[in-house]
Amino acid sequence: AYFFENMTKRVGDLPMTEALLGLENQTPKYNTQKEVYLQVL
C-alpha cells in the first residue's frame, strides 16, 4: 500500500495487477489510478 500509493501520486496510472511477476510478464498493463487506490485501501 505504501509504495504503490507513493508511486501513483507521483505519476498517475501504474502497472499493479500484472507487476512483480518477473519473467512471467515483462510488459505489464497499467491499472488506473482509481484501481490502485482501491487496492491500496
All heavy atoms as atom14 arrays in JSON, in Angstrom:
{
  "sequence": "AYFFENMTKRVGDLPMTEALLGLENQTPKYNTQKEVYLQVL",
  "atom14_mask": [
    [1, 1, 1, 1, 1, 0, 0, 0, 0, 0, 0, 0, 0, 0],
    [1, 1, 1, 1, 1, 1, 1, 1, 1, 1, 1, 1, 0, 0],
    [1, 1, 1, 1, 1, 1, 1, 1, 1, 1, 1, 0, 0, 0],
    [1, 1, 1, 1, 1, 1, 1, 1, 1, 1, 1, 0, 0, 0],
    [1, 1, 1, 1, 1, 1, 1, 1, 1, 0, 0, 0, 0, 0],
    [1, 1, 1, 1, 1, 1, 1, 1, 0, 0, 0, 0, 0, 0],
    [1, 1, 1, 1, 1, 1, 1, 1, 0, 0, 0, 0, 0, 0],
    [1, 1, 1, 1, 1, 1, 1, 0, 0, 0, 0, 0, 0, 0],
    [1, 1, 1, 1, 1, 1, 1, 1, 1, 0, 0, 0, 0, 0],
    [1, 1, 1, 1, 1, 1, 1, 1, 1, 1, 1, 0, 0, 0],
    [1, 1, 1, 1, 1, 1, 1, 0, 0, 0, 0, 0, 0, 0],
    [1, 1, 1, 1, 0, 0, 0, 0, 0, 0, 0, 0, 0, 0],
    [1, 1, 1, 1, 1, 1, 1, 1, 0, 0, 0, 0, 0, 0],
    [1, 1, 1, 1, 1, 1, 1, 1, 0, 0, 0, 0, 0, 0],
    [1, 1, 1, 1, 1, 1, 1, 0, 0, 0, 0, 0, 0, 0],
    [1, 1, 1, 1, 1, 1, 1, 1, 0, 0, 0, 0, 0, 0],
    [1, 1, 1, 1, 1, 1, 1, 0, 0, 0, 0, 0, 0, 0],
    [1, 1, 1, 1, 1, 1, 1, 1, 1, 0, 0, 0, 0, 0],
    [1, 1, 1, 1, 1, 0, 0, 0, 0, 0, 0, 0, 0, 0],
    [1, 1, 1, 1, 1, 1, 1, 1, 0, 0, 0, 0, 0, 0],
    [1, 1, 1, 1, 1, 1, 1, 1, 0, 0, 0, 0, 0, 0],
    [1, 1, 1, 1, 0, 0, 0, 0, 0, 0, 0, 0, 0, 0],
    [1, 1, 1, 1, 1, 1, 1, 1, 0, 0, 0, 0, 0, 0],
    [1, 1, 1, 1, 1, 1, 1, 1, 1, 0, 0, 0, 0, 0],
    [1, 1, 1, 1, 1, 1, 1, 1, 0, 0, 0, 0, 0, 0],
    [1, 1, 1, 1, 1, 1, 1, 1, 1, 0, 0, 0, 0, 0],
    [1, 1, 1, 1, 1, 1, 1, 0, 0, 0, 0, 0, 0, 0],
    [1, 1, 1, 1, 1, 1, 1, 0, 0, 0, 0, 0, 0, 0],
    [1, 1, 1, 1, 1, 1, 1, 1, 1, 0, 0, 0, 0, 0],
    [1, 1, 1, 1, 1, 1, 1, 1, 1, 1, 1, 1, 0, 0],
    [1, 1, 1, 1, 1, 1, 1, 1, 0, 0, 0, 0, 0, 0],
    [1, 1, 1, 1, 1, 1, 1, 0, 0, 0, 0, 0, 0, 0],
    [1, 1, 1, 1, 1, 1, 1, 1, 1, 0, 0, 0, 0, 0],
    [1, 1, 1, 1, 1, 1, 1, 1, 1, 0, 0, 0, 0, 0],
    [1, 1, 1, 1, 1, 1, 1, 1, 1, 0, 0, 0, 0, 0],
    [1, 1, 1, 1, 1, 1, 1, 0, 0, 0, 0, 0, 0, 0],
    [1, 1, 1, 1, 1, 1, 1, 1, 1, 1, 1, 1, 0, 0],
    [1, 1, 1, 1, 1, 1, 1, 1, 0, 0, 0, 0, 0, 0],
    [1, 1, 1, 1, 1, 1, 1, 1, 1, 0, 0, 0, 0, 0],
    [1, 1, 1, 1, 1, 1, 1, 0, 0, 0, 0, 0, 0, 0],
    [1, 1, 1, 1, 1, 1, 1, 1, 0, 0, 0, 0, 0, 0]
  ],
  "atom14_positions": [
    [[0.83, -1.21, 0.0], [0.0, 0.0, 0.0], [0.87, 1.26, 0.0], [0.63, 2.2, -0.77], [-0.93, -0.01, 1.22], [0.0, 0.0, 0.0], [0.0, 0.0, 0.0], [0.0, 0.0, 0.0], [0.0, 0.0, 0.0], [0.0, 0.0, 0.0], [0.0, 0.0, 0.0], [0.0, 0.0, 0.0], [0.0, 0.0, 0.0], [0.0, 0.0, 0.0]],
    [[1.89, 1.26, 0.83], [2.73, 2.45, 0.99], [3.47, 2.78, -0.31], [3.46, 3.94, -0.77], [3.73, 2.22, 2.12], [4.66, 3.37, 2.38], [4.28, 4.41, 3.21], [5.92, 3.43, 1.77], [5.14, 5.49, 3.45], [6.77, 4.5, 2.0], [6.38, 5.53, 2.84], [7.21, 6.59, 3.05], [0.0, 0.0, 0.0], [0.0, 0.0, 0.0]],
    [[4.11, 1.79, -0.9], [4.94, 2.08, -2.08], [4.11, 2.3, -3.34], [4.46, 3.15, -4.16], [5.97, 0.97, -2.28], [7.06, 0.96, -1.23], [7.13, -0.04, -0.27], [7.99, 1.98, -1.18], [8.12, -0.03, 0.7], [8.99, 2.01, -0.21], [9.05, 1.0, 0.73], [0.0, 0.0, 0.0], [0.0, 0.0, 0.0], [0.0, 0.0, 0.0]],
    [[3.02, 1.57, -3.5], [2.17, 1.83, -4.67], [1.5, 3.2, -4.56], [1.37, 3.91, -5.56], [1.12, 0.72, -4.84], [1.6, -0.43, -5.68], [1.95, -1.63, -5.1], [1.7, -0.31, -7.06], [2.4, -2.7, -5.88], [2.15, -1.36, -7.85], [2.5, -2.55, -7.25], [0.0, 0.0, 0.0], [0.0, 0.0, 0.0], [0.0, 0.0, 0.0]],
    [[1.08, 3.59, -3.37], [0.47, 4.9, -3.21], [1.49, 5.99, -3.46], [1.18, 7.02, -4.09], [-0.13, 5.02, -1.8], [-1.16, 6.14, -1.67], [-0.62, 7.41, -1.05], [0.5, 7.36, -0.49], [-1.29, 8.45, -1.13], [0.0, 0.0, 0.0], [0.0, 0.0, 0.0], [0.0, 0.0, 0.0], [0.0, 0.0, 0.0], [0.0, 0.0, 0.0]],
    [[2.72, 5.78, -3.01], [3.77, 6.77, -3.28], [4.0, 6.93, -4.78], [4.18, 8.05, -5.27], [5.07, 6.33, -2.61], [6.23, 7.25, -2.97], [6.31, 8.39, -2.54], [7.15, 6.74, -3.79], [0.0, 0.0, 0.0], [0.0, 0.0, 0.0], [0.0, 0.0, 0.0], [0.0, 0.0, 0.0], [0.0, 0.0, 0.0], [0.0, 0.0, 0.0]],
    [[3.99, 5.83, -5.5], [4.24, 5.92, -6.94], [3.07, 6.56, -7.69], [3.29, 7.42, -8.55], [4.51, 4.52, -7.5], [5.81, 3.9, -7.04], [6.25, 2.37, -7.93], [4.96, 1.25, -7.38], [0.0, 0.0, 0.0], [0.0, 0.0, 0.0], [0.0, 0.0, 0.0], [0.0, 0.0, 0.0], [0.0, 0.0, 0.0], [0.0, 0.0, 0.0]],
    [[1.85, 6.16, -7.36], [0.71, 6.65, -8.15], [0.5, 8.15, -7.96], [0.1, 8.84, -8.9], [-0.56, 5.87, -7.81], [-1.57, 6.18, -8.79], [-1.12, 6.2, -6.44], [0.0, 0.0, 0.0], [0.0, 0.0, 0.0], [0.0, 0.0, 0.0], [0.0, 0.0, 0.0], [0.0, 0.0, 0.0], [0.0, 0.0, 0.0], [0.0, 0.0, 0.0]],
    [[0.79, 8.68, -6.78], [0.56, 10.12, -6.61], [1.66, 10.95, -7.25], [1.54, 12.17, -7.36], [0.39, 10.47, -5.13], [1.58, 10.24, -4.24], [1.15, 10.43, -2.78], [2.3, 10.15, -1.82], [1.84, 10.19, -0.41], [0.0, 0.0, 0.0], [0.0, 0.0, 0.0], [0.0, 0.0, 0.0], [0.0, 0.0, 0.0], [0.0, 0.0, 0.0]],
    [[2.71, 10.28, -7.73], [3.74, 10.97, -8.48], [3.45, 11.01, -9.98], [3.72, 12.02, -10.64], [5.1, 10.3, -8.26], [5.61, 10.37, -6.84], [6.92, 9.63, -6.65], [8.05, 10.41, -7.1], [8.77, 11.23, -6.34], [8.46, 11.38, -5.07], [9.79, 11.9, -6.83], [0.0, 0.0, 0.0], [0.0, 0.0, 0.0], [0.0, 0.0, 0.0]],
    [[2.88, 9.91, -10.52], [2.75, 9.83, -11.98], [1.33, 9.6, -12.48], [0.98, 10.01, -13.58], [3.66, 8.73, -12.55], [5.13, 9.07, -12.33], [3.32, 7.36, -11.96], [0.0, 0.0, 0.0], [0.0, 0.0, 0.0], [0.0, 0.0, 0.0], [0.0, 0.0, 0.0], [0.0, 0.0, 0.0], [0.0, 0.0, 0.0], [0.0, 0.0, 0.0]],
    [[0.49, 8.9, -11.69], [-0.85, 8.56, -12.16], [-1.05, 7.06, -12.25], [-0.73, 6.32, -11.31], [0.0, 0.0, 0.0], [0.0, 0.0, 0.0], [0.0, 0.0, 0.0], [0.0, 0.0, 0.0], [0.0, 0.0, 0.0], [0.0, 0.0, 0.0], [0.0, 0.0, 0.0], [0.0, 0.0, 0.0], [0.0, 0.0, 0.0], [0.0, 0.0, 0.0]],
    [[-1.58, 6.57, -13.38], [-1.81, 5.13, -13.57], [-0.49, 4.37, -13.47], [0.59, 4.91, -13.79], [-2.44, 4.86, -14.93], [-3.84, 5.46, -15.07], [-4.34, 6.03, -14.08], [-4.42, 5.35, -16.17], [0.0, 0.0, 0.0], [0.0, 0.0, 0.0], [0.0, 0.0, 0.0], [0.0, 0.0, 0.0], [0.0, 0.0, 0.0], [0.0, 0.0, 0.0]],
    [[-0.58, 3.1, -13.06], [0.62, 2.3, -12.81], [0.39, 0.83, -13.16], [-0.73, 0.32, -13.01], [0.97, 2.32, -11.32], [1.67, 3.51, -10.7], [1.7, 3.3, -9.19], [3.07, 3.66, -11.24], [0.0, 0.0, 0.0], [0.0, 0.0, 0.0], [0.0, 0.0, 0.0], [0.0, 0.0, 0.0], [0.0, 0.0, 0.0], [0.0, 0.0, 0.0]],
    [[1.44, 0.1, -13.55], [1.35, -1.36, -13.56], [1.22, -1.85, -12.11], [2.06, -1.5, -11.26], [2.67, -1.81, -14.17], [3.18, -0.62, -14.92], [2.72, 0.56, -14.13], [0.0, 0.0, 0.0], [0.0, 0.0, 0.0], [0.0, 0.0, 0.0], [0.0, 0.0, 0.0], [0.0, 0.0, 0.0], [0.0, 0.0, 0.0], [0.0, 0.0, 0.0]],
    [[0.18, -2.61, -11.83], [-0.01, -3.11, -10.47], [-0.4, -4.59, -10.5], [0.35, -5.45, -10.03], [-1.06, -2.3, -9.72], [-1.31, -2.76, -8.29], [-2.67, -1.87, -7.49], [-4.07, -2.42, -8.5], [0.0, 0.0, 0.0], [0.0, 0.0, 0.0], [0.0, 0.0, 0.0], [0.0, 0.0, 0.0], [0.0, 0.0, 0.0], [0.0, 0.0, 0.0]],
    [[-1.55, -4.9, -11.07], [-2.04, -6.28, -11.08], [-1.06, -7.21, -11.76], [-0.83, -8.33, -11.29], [-3.41, -6.35, -11.77], [-4.3, -5.42, -11.14], [-3.99, -7.75, -11.66], [0.0, 0.0, 0.0], [0.0, 0.0, 0.0], [0.0, 0.0, 0.0], [0.0, 0.0, 0.0], [0.0, 0.0, 0.0], [0.0, 0.0, 0.0], [0.0, 0.0, 0.0]],
    [[-0.47, -6.77, -12.86], [0.47, -7.61, -13.61], [1.93, -7.32, -13.27], [2.83, -7.89, -13.89], [0.24, -7.42, -15.12], [-1.13, -7.88, -15.59], [-1.3, -7.78, -17.1], [-0.32, -7.4, -17.79], [-2.4, -8.06, -17.59], [0.0, 0.0, 0.0], [0.0, 0.0, 0.0], [0.0, 0.0, 0.0], [0.0, 0.0, 0.0], [0.0, 0.0, 0.0]],
    [[2.16, -6.48, -12.28], [3.53, -6.16, -11.89], [4.08, -7.23, -10.95], [3.34, -8.05, -10.42], [3.57, -4.8, -11.21], [0.0, 0.0, 0.0], [0.0, 0.0, 0.0], [0.0, 0.0, 0.0], [0.0, 0.0, 0.0], [0.0, 0.0, 0.0], [0.0, 0.0, 0.0], [0.0, 0.0, 0.0], [0.0, 0.0, 0.0], [0.0, 0.0, 0.0]],
    [[5.38, -7.22, -10.77], [6.09, -8.09, -9.83], [6.0, -9.57, -10.2], [6.12, -10.44, -9.33], [5.56, -7.88, -8.39], [5.58, -6.44, -7.87], [4.99, -6.37, -6.48], [6.98, -5.87, -7.89], [0.0, 0.0, 0.0], [0.0, 0.0, 0.0], [0.0, 0.0, 0.0], [0.0, 0.0, 0.0], [0.0, 0.0, 0.0], [0.0, 0.0, 0.0]],
    [[5.78, -9.86, -11.48], [5.71, -11.25, -11.93], [7.01, -11.71, -12.57], [7.09, -12.84, -13.06], [4.55, -11.41, -12.92], [3.15, -11.13, -12.36], [2.1, -11.29, -13.46], [2.83, -12.03, -11.18], [0.0, 0.0, 0.0], [0.0, 0.0, 0.0], [0.0, 0.0, 0.0], [0.0, 0.0, 0.0], [0.0, 0.0, 0.0], [0.0, 0.0, 0.0]],
    [[8.01, -10.87, -12.6], [9.3, -11.26, -13.12], [9.25, -11.62, -14.59], [8.61, -10.93, -15.4], [0.0, 0.0, 0.0], [0.0, 0.0, 0.0], [0.0, 0.0, 0.0], [0.0, 0.0, 0.0], [0.0, 0.0, 0.0], [0.0, 0.0, 0.0], [0.0, 0.0, 0.0], [0.0, 0.0, 0.0], [0.0, 0.0, 0.0], [0.0, 0.0, 0.0]],
    [[9.88, -12.73, -14.94], [9.95, -13.14, -16.34], [8.6, -13.58, -16.89], [8.43, -13.66, -18.11], [10.97, -14.28, -16.48], [12.42, -13.91, -16.18], [13.3, -15.15, -16.26], [12.93, -12.82, -17.11], [0.0, 0.0, 0.0], [0.0, 0.0, 0.0], [0.0, 0.0, 0.0], [0.0, 0.0, 0.0], [0.0, 0.0, 0.0], [0.0, 0.0, 0.0]],
    [[7.65, -13.84, -16.02], [6.32, -14.25, -16.49], [5.64, -13.14, -17.27], [4.84, -13.4, -18.15], [5.44, -14.65, -15.3], [5.87, -15.91, -14.6], [4.93, -16.25, -13.45], [3.73, -15.94, -13.56], [5.41, -16.81, -12.45], [0.0, 0.0, 0.0], [0.0, 0.0, 0.0], [0.0, 0.0, 0.0], [0.0, 0.0, 0.0], [0.0, 0.0, 0.0]],
    [[5.93, -11.9, -16.91], [5.31, -10.77, -17.61], [6.22, -9.57, -17.51], [6.26, -8.88, -16.49], [3.93, -10.45, -17.02], [3.18, -9.43, -17.86], [3.74, -8.79, -18.74], [1.88, -9.3, -17.62], [0.0, 0.0, 0.0], [0.0, 0.0, 0.0], [0.0, 0.0, 0.0], [0.0, 0.0, 0.0], [0.0, 0.0, 0.0], [0.0, 0.0, 0.0]],
    [[6.96, -9.33, -18.59], [7.91, -8.21, -18.59], [7.31, -6.93, -19.15], [7.98, -5.88, -19.15], [9.15, -8.6, -19.4], [9.89, -9.79, -18.8], [11.16, -10.12, -19.57], [12.07, -9.29, -19.68], [11.24, -11.33, -20.13], [0.0, 0.0, 0.0], [0.0, 0.0, 0.0], [0.0, 0.0, 0.0], [0.0, 0.0, 0.0], [0.0, 0.0, 0.0]],
    [[6.08, -6.99, -19.61], [5.39, -5.79, -20.13], [4.01, -5.7, -19.5], [2.99, -5.89, -20.16], [5.28, -5.83, -21.66], [4.62, -7.06, -22.05], [6.65, -5.75, -22.3], [0.0, 0.0, 0.0], [0.0, 0.0, 0.0], [0.0, 0.0, 0.0], [0.0, 0.0, 0.0], [0.0, 0.0, 0.0], [0.0, 0.0, 0.0], [0.0, 0.0, 0.0]],
    [[3.95, -5.4, -18.2], [2.66, -5.39, -17.51], [1.76, -4.23, -17.95], [2.24, -3.11, -18.19], [3.06, -5.24, -16.05], [4.39, -4.57, -16.09], [5.07, -5.08, -17.31], [0.0, 0.0, 0.0], [0.0, 0.0, 0.0], [0.0, 0.0, 0.0], [0.0, 0.0, 0.0], [0.0, 0.0, 0.0], [0.0, 0.0, 0.0], [0.0, 0.0, 0.0]],
    [[0.47, -4.52, -18.02], [-0.5, -3.47, -18.33], [-0.67, -2.54, -17.14], [-0.39, -2.91, -16.0], [-1.84, -4.1, -18.7], [-1.82, -4.87, -20.01], [-3.2, -5.45, -20.32], [-3.17, -6.24, -21.64], [-4.47, -6.87, -21.94], [0.0, 0.0, 0.0], [0.0, 0.0, 0.0], [0.0, 0.0, 0.0], [0.0, 0.0, 0.0], [0.0, 0.0, 0.0]],
    [[-1.15, -1.35, -17.41], [-1.34, -0.35, -16.36], [-2.73, -0.48, -15.74], [-3.71, -0.72, -16.45], [-1.19, 1.07, -16.94], [0.23, 1.52, -17.14], [1.13, 0.78, -17.91], [0.69, 2.7, -16.58], [2.43, 1.2, -18.11], [2.0, 3.14, -16.77], [2.86, 2.38, -17.54], [4.16, 2.8, -17.73], [0.0, 0.0, 0.0], [0.0, 0.0, 0.0]],
    [[-2.79, -0.3, -14.44], [-4.07, -0.12, -13.76], [-4.36, 1.36, -13.67], [-3.45, 2.18, -13.58], [-4.02, -0.71, -12.35], [-3.98, -2.22, -12.35], [-2.92, -2.83, -12.44], [-5.14, -2.85, -12.25], [0.0, 0.0, 0.0], [0.0, 0.0, 0.0], [0.0, 0.0, 0.0], [0.0, 0.0, 0.0], [0.0, 0.0, 0.0], [0.0, 0.0, 0.0]],
    [[-5.63, 1.72, -13.65], [-5.98, 3.13, -13.47], [-5.63, 3.57, -12.05], [-5.51, 2.75, -11.13], [-7.48, 3.36, -13.7], [-8.22, 2.69, -12.67], [-7.92, 2.86, -15.07], [0.0, 0.0, 0.0], [0.0, 0.0, 0.0], [0.0, 0.0, 0.0], [0.0, 0.0, 0.0], [0.0, 0.0, 0.0], [0.0, 0.0, 0.0], [0.0, 0.0, 0.0]],
    [[-5.5, 4.86, -11.88], [-5.18, 5.36, -10.55], [-6.28, 5.03, -9.55], [-5.99, 4.71, -8.39], [-4.96, 6.89, -10.61], [-4.39, 7.45, -9.32], [-3.93, 8.88, -9.46], [-4.66, 9.73, -9.98], [-2.72, 9.19, -9.0], [0.0, 0.0, 0.0], [0.0, 0.0, 0.0], [0.0, 0.0, 0.0], [0.0, 0.0, 0.0], [0.0, 0.0, 0.0]],
    [[-7.5, 5.05, -9.99], [-8.6, 4.68, -9.1], [-8.45, 3.23, -8.66], [-8.64, 2.91, -7.47], [-9.95, 4.89, -9.79], [-11.14, 4.46, -8.94], [-12.46, 4.74, -9.65], [-13.64, 4.22, -8.84], [-14.95, 4.54, -9.47], [0.0, 0.0, 0.0], [0.0, 0.0, 0.0], [0.0, 0.0, 0.0], [0.0, 0.0, 0.0], [0.0, 0.0, 0.0]],
    [[-8.12, 2.34, -9.58], [-7.93, 0.94, -9.22], [-6.79, 0.78, -8.22], [-6.87, -0.05, -7.29], [-7.66, 0.11, -10.48], [-8.86, -0.05, -11.38], [-8.5, -0.68, -12.73], [-7.3, -0.65, -13.11], [-9.41, -1.17, -13.41], [0.0, 0.0, 0.0], [0.0, 0.0, 0.0], [0.0, 0.0, 0.0], [0.0, 0.0, 0.0], [0.0, 0.0, 0.0]],
    [[-5.74, 1.56, -8.4], [-4.61, 1.49, -7.47], [-5.07, 1.9, -6.07], [-4.76, 1.22, -5.08], [-3.44, 2.38, -7.94], [-2.34, 2.42, -6.88], [-2.88, 1.87, -9.26], [0.0, 0.0, 0.0], [0.0, 0.0, 0.0], [0.0, 0.0, 0.0], [0.0, 0.0, 0.0], [0.0, 0.0, 0.0], [0.0, 0.0, 0.0], [0.0, 0.0, 0.0]],
    [[-5.82, 2.99, -5.98], [-6.26, 3.44, -4.66], [-7.23, 2.46, -4.01], [-7.18, 2.24, -2.78], [-6.87, 4.84, -4.75], [-5.83, 5.92, -4.58], [-5.32, 6.61, -5.67], [-5.32, 6.23, -3.32], [-4.35, 7.59, -5.51], [-4.35, 7.21, -3.15], [-3.86, 7.89, -4.25], [-2.89, 8.84, -4.09], [0.0, 0.0, 0.0], [0.0, 0.0, 0.0]],
    [[-8.09, 1.86, -4.79], [-8.99, 0.85, -4.22], [-8.18, -0.32, -3.66], [-8.49, -0.84, -2.58], [-9.97, 0.36, -5.29], [-11.12, 1.32, -5.62], [-11.84, 0.86, -6.89], [-12.09, 1.42, -4.45], [0.0, 0.0, 0.0], [0.0, 0.0, 0.0], [0.0, 0.0, 0.0], [0.0, 0.0, 0.0], [0.0, 0.0, 0.0], [0.0, 0.0, 0.0]],
    [[-7.15, -0.73, -4.38], [-6.33, -1.84, -3.9], [-5.5, -1.43, -2.68], [-5.31, -2.23, -1.75], [-5.41, -2.33, -5.02], [-4.56, -3.53, -4.64], [-5.38, -4.73, -4.22], [-6.21, -5.2, -4.98], [-5.17, -5.21, -3.01], [0.0, 0.0, 0.0], [0.0, 0.0, 0.0], [0.0, 0.0, 0.0], [0.0, 0.0, 0.0], [0.0, 0.0, 0.0]],
    [[-5.01, -0.2, -2.66], [-4.27, 0.29, -1.5], [-5.14, 0.2, -0.24], [-4.69, -0.28, 0.81], [-3.81, 1.75, -1.74], [-3.42, 2.43, -0.43], [-2.65, 1.78, -2.72], [0.0, 0.0, 0.0], [0.0, 0.0, 0.0], [0.0, 0.0, 0.0], [0.0, 0.0, 0.0], [0.0, 0.0, 0.0], [0.0, 0.0, 0.0], [0.0, 0.0, 0.0]],
    [[-6.38, 0.62, -0.35], [-7.28, 0.56, 0.81], [-7.57, -0.88, 1.21], [-7.67, -1.2, 2.4], [-8.58, 1.31, 0.48], [-8.42, 2.83, 0.32], [-9.68, 3.45, -0.25], [-8.07, 3.49, 1.66], [0.0, 0.0, 0.0], [0.0, 0.0, 0.0], [0.0, 0.0, 0.0], [0.0, 0.0, 0.0], [0.0, 0.0, 0.0], [0.0, 0.0, 0.0]]
  ]
}
